[in-house]
Amino acid sequence: MGPKRRPPTEAEARALASAARLRILRLCLDEALTNKEIAGRLGANPATTLHHVRKLVETGFLAAGPSRPGPRGSTEIPYRATGKSWEMDIRDAPVPGGEEAMLEAFLDEVRLVDVREADFTRLGFRLTDAEKAELQRRLHEVYEDFRSRSPAPDALPYSLFVALHRDVGRD
């Protein structure tokens, strides 16, 4: 496996057990967005989005930037993802729902993509416990390598979702 990630606190686990919140974190990964901008990108109600944004700020997953003037004299606050969620292992969460939220967020996001532009691969194989651990470790090394790189100015945003699961239909 990779480096040991810590289990989330109950409040952190509850914050991460929402597909909408996971999508907000992804949207705010590269640039700071206001609640209105986040709601627009999600096609969601701004009041509902604000509830999610506040929960993510309370738990340290989003950080508020300096306020800026908005339309008609309003004040807007941009938010940026802190990267804190990468430190968590939701499998050890004190409340359920994190894995399901992650899958739901992935499905919501991939539905926005022209499937002909995505790269899908399915592979069935059999592994010993040691081989499974080696695969997980090597994949984690690749994730960490690409996560730690500074993006080039012309880099396009991509997301990666990997699911290693028992193929119970083949048992």
Protein backbone atom coordinates (compact mmCIF):
# COMPACT_ATOMS: atom_id res chain seq x y z
CA MET A 1 0.00 0.00 0.00
CA GLY A 2 1.16 3.58 0.16
CA PRO A 3 1.91 5.77 3.11
CA LYS A 4 -0.45 5.39 6.03
CA ARG A 5 -3.27 7.87 5.86
CA ARG A 6 -5.12 8.76 9.02
CA PRO A 7 -8.76 7.98 9.63
CA PRO A 8 -10.99 11.04 9.47
CA THR A 9 -12.67 12.43 12.55
CA GLU A 10 -16.42 12.02 12.70
CA ALA A 11 -16.95 15.58 11.41
CA GLU A 12 -14.45 15.04 8.57
CA ALA A 13 -16.05 11.70 7.65
CA ARG A 14 -19.50 13.30 7.52
CA ALA A 15 -18.13 16.08 5.30
CA LEU A 16 -16.60 13.54 2.91
CA ALA A 17 -19.71 11.33 2.82
CA SER A 18 -21.37 13.60 0.25
CA ALA A 19 -20.92 13.36 -3.51
CA ALA A 20 -21.78 17.06 -3.84
CA ARG A 21 -19.03 18.01 -1.40
CA LEU A 22 -16.50 15.78 -3.14
CA ARG A 23 -17.39 17.46 -6.44
CA ILE A 24 -16.97 20.89 -4.82
CA LEU A 25 -13.49 19.89 -3.66
CA ARG A 26 -12.61 18.80 -7.20
CA LEU A 27 -13.95 22.06 -8.67
CA CYS A 28 -11.89 24.14 -6.23
CA LEU A 29 -8.71 22.13 -6.67
CA ASP A 30 -7.04 24.36 -9.27
CA GLU A 31 -8.76 27.68 -8.76
CA ALA A 32 -10.65 29.54 -6.07
CA LEU A 33 -14.38 29.72 -6.82
CA THR A 34 -17.20 31.64 -5.17
CA ASN A 35 -20.33 29.92 -3.95
CA LYS A 36 -22.22 31.32 -6.95
CA GLU A 37 -19.59 29.96 -9.36
CA ILE A 38 -19.64 26.56 -7.66
CA ALA A 39 -23.45 26.40 -7.78
CA GLY A 40 -23.39 27.33 -11.47
CA ARG A 41 -20.89 24.61 -12.34
CA LEU A 42 -22.85 22.02 -10.38
CA GLY A 43 -26.22 23.21 -11.67
CA ALA A 44 -27.29 23.43 -8.04
CA ASN A 45 -29.17 25.84 -5.81
CA PRO A 46 -26.75 28.44 -4.35
CA ALA A 47 -28.27 28.07 -0.86
CA THR A 48 -27.71 24.30 -0.89
CA THR A 49 -24.21 24.80 -2.24
CA LEU A 50 -23.45 27.32 0.52
CA HIS A 51 -24.44 24.72 3.13
CA HIS A 52 -21.93 22.28 1.60
CA VAL A 53 -19.23 24.95 1.27
CA ARG A 54 -19.61 25.95 4.93
CA LYS A 55 -19.31 22.31 6.05
CA LEU A 56 -16.13 21.92 3.99
CA VAL A 57 -14.67 25.14 5.42
CA GLU A 58 -15.57 24.09 9.01
CA THR A 59 -13.70 20.82 8.57
CA GLY A 60 -10.68 22.34 6.82
CA PHE A 61 -11.21 20.84 3.38
CA LEU A 62 -11.85 24.27 1.80
CA ALA A 63 -10.16 27.53 2.68
CA ALA A 64 -11.75 30.93 2.14
CA GLY A 65 -9.68 33.42 0.21
CA PRO A 66 -9.78 37.20 0.57
CA SER A 67 -13.21 38.66 -0.13
CA ARG A 68 -13.68 40.60 -3.34
CA PRO A 69 -16.33 42.95 -4.71
CA GLY A 70 -19.22 41.20 -6.42
CA PRO A 71 -22.09 42.42 -8.56
CA ARG A 72 -24.27 45.31 -7.31
CA GLY A 73 -22.08 46.06 -4.30
CA SER A 74 -22.11 42.52 -2.87
CA THR A 75 -19.05 40.82 -1.44
CA GLU A 76 -17.90 37.46 -2.78
CA ILE A 77 -15.61 34.97 -1.08
CA PRO A 78 -13.62 32.56 -3.24
CA TYR A 79 -12.85 29.10 -1.84
CA ARG A 80 -9.98 26.76 -2.64
CA ALA A 81 -9.49 23.07 -1.79
CA THR A 82 -6.74 22.53 0.80
CA GLY A 83 -5.78 18.99 -0.29
CA LYS A 84 -6.57 17.72 3.21
CA SER A 85 -8.83 14.95 1.89
CA TRP A 86 -5.79 13.21 0.38
CA GLU A 87 -4.53 12.63 3.94
CA MET A 88 -7.64 10.62 4.90
CA ASP A 89 -8.41 6.94 4.63
CA ILE A 90 -12.20 6.84 4.48
CA ARG A 91 -12.20 3.07 4.97
CA ASP A 92 -11.43 3.75 8.63
CA ALA A 93 -14.12 6.43 8.97
CA PRO A 94 -16.26 6.49 12.11
CA VAL A 95 -19.39 6.98 9.95
CA PRO A 96 -20.30 5.15 6.73
CA GLY A 97 -20.92 6.64 3.31
CA GLY A 98 -17.52 7.84 2.11
CA GLU A 99 -16.94 5.09 -0.43
CA GLU A 100 -20.46 5.43 -1.83
CA ALA A 101 -20.07 9.23 -2.06
CA MET A 102 -16.79 8.82 -3.94
CA LEU A 103 -18.38 6.45 -6.45
CA GLU A 104 -21.43 8.71 -6.85
CA ALA A 105 -19.20 11.78 -7.41
CA PHE A 106 -17.22 9.86 -10.02
CA LEU A 107 -20.38 8.80 -11.85
CA ASP A 108 -21.77 12.36 -11.74
CA GLU A 109 -18.53 13.74 -13.18
CA VAL A 110 -18.00 11.08 -15.84
CA ARG A 111 -21.57 11.58 -17.10
CA LEU A 112 -20.51 15.10 -18.14
CA VAL A 113 -17.82 13.70 -20.45
CA ASP A 114 -18.20 12.46 -24.02
CA VAL A 115 -17.38 8.78 -23.38
CA ARG A 116 -15.44 8.64 -26.66
CA GLU A 117 -12.96 11.10 -25.09
CA ALA A 118 -12.42 9.04 -21.93
CA ASP A 119 -10.00 6.16 -21.50
CA PHE A 120 -11.73 3.17 -19.91
CA THR A 121 -10.03 -0.10 -19.11
CA ARG A 122 -11.37 -3.21 -17.40
CA LEU A 123 -9.15 -6.08 -16.47
CA GLY A 124 -9.90 -9.30 -14.70
CA PHE A 125 -7.11 -11.25 -13.01
CA ARG A 126 -6.33 -13.34 -9.95
CA LEU A 127 -3.93 -12.14 -7.26
CA THR A 128 -2.43 -13.47 -4.08
CA ASP A 129 -2.57 -11.18 -1.04
CA ALA A 130 1.08 -10.26 -1.67
CA GLU A 131 0.41 -9.46 -5.34
CA LYS A 132 -2.61 -7.34 -4.41
CA ALA A 133 -0.49 -5.39 -1.92
CA GLU A 134 2.21 -4.89 -4.57
CA LEU A 135 -0.35 -3.62 -7.10
CA GLN A 136 -1.80 -1.19 -4.58
CA ARG A 137 1.66 0.06 -3.58
CA ARG A 138 2.74 0.60 -7.19
CA LEU A 139 -0.48 2.39 -8.10
CA HIS A 140 -0.12 4.61 -5.04
CA GLU A 141 3.43 5.51 -6.14
CA VAL A 142 2.05 6.65 -9.50
CA TYR A 143 -0.74 8.68 -7.83
CA GLU A 144 1.74 10.37 -5.50
CA ASP A 145 4.14 11.15 -8.34
CA PHE A 146 1.51 12.88 -10.46
CA ARG A 147 -0.21 14.55 -7.49
CA SER A 148 3.04 16.15 -6.32
CA ARG A 149 3.95 17.64 -9.70
CA SER A 150 3.45 21.32 -10.37
CA PRO A 151 1.12 21.66 -13.35
CA ALA A 152 2.48 23.23 -16.52
CA PRO A 153 0.75 26.47 -17.56
CA ASP A 154 -0.87 24.74 -20.55
CA ALA A 155 -1.91 21.59 -18.62
CA LEU A 156 -5.51 20.46 -18.96
CA PRO A 157 -7.49 19.12 -15.96
CA TYR A 158 -7.91 15.34 -15.76
CA SER A 159 -9.29 13.05 -13.09
CA LEU A 160 -8.47 9.45 -12.32
CA PHE A 161 -10.74 6.93 -10.63
CA VAL A 162 -9.43 3.45 -9.94
CA ALA A 163 -11.50 0.73 -8.35
CA LEU A 164 -9.86 -2.52 -7.32
CA HIS A 165 -12.61 -4.86 -6.20
CA ARG A 166 -13.36 -8.52 -5.74
CA ASP A 167 -14.95 -9.92 -8.89
CA VAL A 168 -17.60 -11.84 -6.97
CA GLY A 169 -19.33 -12.92 -10.17
CA ARG A 170 -16.27 -15.04 -11.01
CA ASP A 171 -16.02 -16.82 -7.63
